[in-house]
């Protein structure tokens, strides 16, 4: 996990991979809201409407939860194929959930500002970490290698 965080923390990786990815996440979250909200403009990592703005920072782009999940999958005994399937599927799942998270937070910030901070800090952070743990458990039950049964 430390290695993955160290790679993400490199300025070149942050500037050329993480920031553009975060901007893409912001655009996708705004697109998800397009059916129920109008006037959302995305500039870089900032989603903005006439009455609310949300800047998607590192930590809010799903990367940290994905790193936690990837590290757990890599540390668990399984074949390379199983690990790659787990990493790909779970990273996609975390990012899709994160799009729902960002869209709902933007909507809450725009329409129910008084509960935005509670949902941002308490509800959604907990749900994302719980989702990462749940995805790991599901993956490990399906793909992880089982030790051979000892004969008696």
Protein backbone atom coordinates (compact mmCIF):
# COMPACT_ATOMS: atom_id res chain seq x y z
CA UNK A 1 0.00 0.00 0.00
CA UNK A 2 2.87 2.33 0.84
CA UNK A 3 4.41 1.71 -2.59
CA UNK A 4 1.14 2.53 -4.37
CA UNK A 5 0.69 5.71 -2.31
CA UNK A 6 4.30 6.69 -3.00
CA UNK A 7 3.78 6.30 -6.75
CA UNK A 8 0.57 8.35 -6.66
CA UNK A 9 2.33 11.04 -4.60
CA UNK A 10 5.02 11.61 -7.23
CA UNK A 11 4.49 15.02 -8.82
CA UNK A 12 4.76 13.64 -12.35
CA UNK A 13 2.17 10.93 -11.65
CA UNK A 14 -0.11 13.37 -9.87
CA UNK A 15 0.12 16.01 -12.59
CA UNK A 16 -0.12 13.71 -15.61
CA UNK A 17 -2.33 10.87 -14.33
CA UNK A 18 -4.21 11.68 -11.12
CA UNK A 19 -5.32 15.25 -11.90
CA UNK A 20 -6.57 14.38 -15.43
CA UNK A 21 -8.30 11.29 -13.99
CA UNK A 22 -9.93 13.44 -11.29
CA UNK A 23 -11.12 15.90 -13.95
CA UNK A 24 -12.64 12.96 -15.86
CA UNK A 25 -14.37 11.80 -12.67
CA UNK A 26 -15.82 15.30 -12.17
CA UNK A 27 -17.11 15.37 -15.78
CA UNK A 28 -18.68 11.91 -15.41
CA UNK A 29 -20.35 12.85 -12.11
CA UNK A 30 -21.77 15.99 -13.75
CA UNK A 31 -22.99 13.90 -16.69
CA UNK A 32 -24.72 11.58 -14.25
CA UNK A 33 -26.59 14.60 -12.86
CA UNK A 34 -27.49 16.00 -16.28
CA UNK A 35 -30.84 14.20 -16.27
CA UNK A 36 -32.05 15.93 -13.11
CA UNK A 37 -29.96 19.10 -12.93
CA UNK A 38 -29.21 21.71 -15.53
CA UNK A 39 -26.54 24.34 -15.71
CA UNK A 40 -23.69 22.26 -14.25
CA UNK A 41 -20.37 23.33 -15.70
CA UNK A 42 -17.14 21.44 -15.12
CA UNK A 43 -13.80 23.21 -15.26
CA UNK A 44 -10.92 20.90 -14.46
CA UNK A 45 -11.86 19.22 -11.19
CA UNK A 46 -14.56 21.76 -10.23
CA UNK A 47 -18.26 21.05 -10.75
CA UNK A 48 -20.22 24.31 -10.61
CA UNK A 49 -23.81 25.46 -10.85
CA UNK A 50 -25.19 28.93 -10.19
CA UNK A 51 -25.76 28.06 -6.52
CA UNK A 52 -23.03 25.52 -5.59
CA UNK A 53 -19.52 24.39 -6.49
CA UNK A 54 -17.69 21.19 -5.66
CA UNK A 55 -13.94 20.76 -6.18
CA UNK A 56 -13.00 17.09 -6.45
CA UNK A 57 -9.66 16.72 -4.65
CA UNK A 58 -7.34 13.78 -4.17
CA UNK A 59 -9.06 11.60 -1.63
CA UNK A 60 -12.41 12.28 -3.28
CA UNK A 61 -11.59 10.66 -6.61
CA UNK A 62 -11.79 7.03 -5.45
CA UNK A 63 -8.06 6.44 -5.83
CA UNK A 64 -7.36 5.95 -2.11
CA UNK A 65 -10.10 3.35 -1.70
CA UNK A 66 -8.88 1.61 -4.86
CA UNK A 67 -5.31 1.59 -3.50
CA UNK A 68 -6.51 0.00 -0.25
CA UNK A 69 -8.37 -2.64 -2.22
CA UNK A 70 -5.53 -3.28 -4.67
CA UNK A 71 -3.03 -3.68 -1.84
CA UNK A 72 -5.28 -6.20 -0.09
CA UNK A 73 -5.76 -8.19 -3.30
CA UNK A 74 -2.04 -8.20 -4.06
CA UNK A 75 -1.21 -9.34 -0.52
CA UNK A 76 -3.67 -12.24 -0.57
CA UNK A 77 -2.71 -15.67 -1.94
CA UNK A 78 -4.24 -16.02 -5.41
CA UNK A 79 -3.17 -16.57 -8.98
CA UNK A 80 -2.00 -13.62 -11.05
CA UNK A 81 -5.10 -13.99 -13.25
CA UNK A 82 -7.40 -13.89 -10.21
CA UNK A 83 -5.58 -10.87 -8.83
CA UNK A 84 -5.82 -8.97 -12.12
CA UNK A 85 -9.53 -9.77 -12.43
CA UNK A 86 -10.08 -8.65 -8.84
CA UNK A 87 -8.12 -5.43 -9.29
CA UNK A 88 -9.87 -4.49 -12.53
CA UNK A 89 -13.41 -5.37 -11.42
CA UNK A 90 -13.13 -3.86 -7.97
CA UNK A 91 -11.47 -0.65 -9.18
CA UNK A 92 -14.29 -0.15 -11.69
CA UNK A 93 -16.88 -0.86 -8.97
CA UNK A 94 -15.26 1.63 -6.57
CA UNK A 95 -15.13 4.31 -9.25
CA UNK A 96 -18.76 3.76 -10.26
CA UNK A 97 -19.82 4.04 -6.62
CA UNK A 98 -17.68 7.15 -6.31
CA UNK A 99 -19.52 8.73 -9.26
CA UNK A 100 -22.79 8.16 -7.41
CA UNK A 101 -21.17 9.62 -4.30
CA UNK A 102 -19.99 12.79 -6.04
CA UNK A 103 -23.28 13.27 -7.87
CA UNK A 104 -25.27 12.88 -4.69
CA UNK A 105 -22.95 15.21 -2.78
CA UNK A 106 -23.27 17.86 -5.47
CA UNK A 107 -27.06 17.51 -5.41
CA UNK A 108 -27.09 17.70 -1.60
CA UNK A 109 -24.82 20.74 -1.65
CA UNK A 110 -27.10 22.46 -4.09
CA UNK A 111 -30.44 21.57 -2.48
CA UNK A 112 -29.74 20.60 1.15
CA UNK A 113 -26.54 22.38 2.13
CA UNK A 114 -27.18 21.82 5.84
CA UNK A 115 -26.54 18.04 5.51
CA UNK A 116 -23.75 18.21 2.91
CA UNK A 117 -20.86 18.05 5.41
CA UNK A 118 -22.40 15.15 7.30
CA UNK A 119 -22.86 13.12 4.12
CA UNK A 120 -19.43 14.11 2.79
CA UNK A 121 -17.47 13.21 5.91
CA UNK A 122 -19.51 10.61 7.79
CA UNK A 123 -21.80 8.80 5.40
CA UNK A 124 -20.02 8.54 2.06
CA UNK A 125 -16.48 8.07 3.36
CA UNK A 126 -17.71 5.18 5.48
CA UNK A 127 -19.69 3.69 2.60
CA UNK A 128 -16.73 3.83 0.20
CA UNK A 129 -14.41 2.10 2.68
CA UNK A 130 -17.12 -0.44 3.53
CA UNK A 131 -17.59 -1.09 -0.20
CA UNK A 132 -13.84 -1.64 -0.62
CA UNK A 133 -13.77 -4.10 2.28
CA UNK A 134 -16.88 -5.87 0.99
CA UNK A 135 -15.46 -6.15 -2.51
CA UNK A 136 -12.27 -7.64 -1.09
CA UNK A 137 -14.22 -10.19 0.93
CA UNK A 138 -16.33 -11.15 -2.08
CA UNK A 139 -13.24 -11.46 -4.26
CA UNK A 140 -11.36 -13.51 -1.66
CA UNK A 141 -14.26 -15.93 -1.25
CA UNK A 142 -14.44 -16.48 -5.01
CA UNK A 143 -10.85 -16.32 -6.21
CA UNK A 144 -8.39 -16.72 -3.38
CA UNK A 145 -6.43 -19.94 -3.22
CA UNK A 146 -7.43 -22.28 -0.44
CA UNK A 147 -4.82 -24.15 1.54
CA UNK A 148 -4.97 -27.90 0.96
CA UNK A 149 -6.86 -29.88 3.58
CA UNK A 150 -4.59 -31.83 5.85
CA UNK A 151 -5.15 -35.54 5.74
CA UNK A 152 -5.62 -37.25 9.10
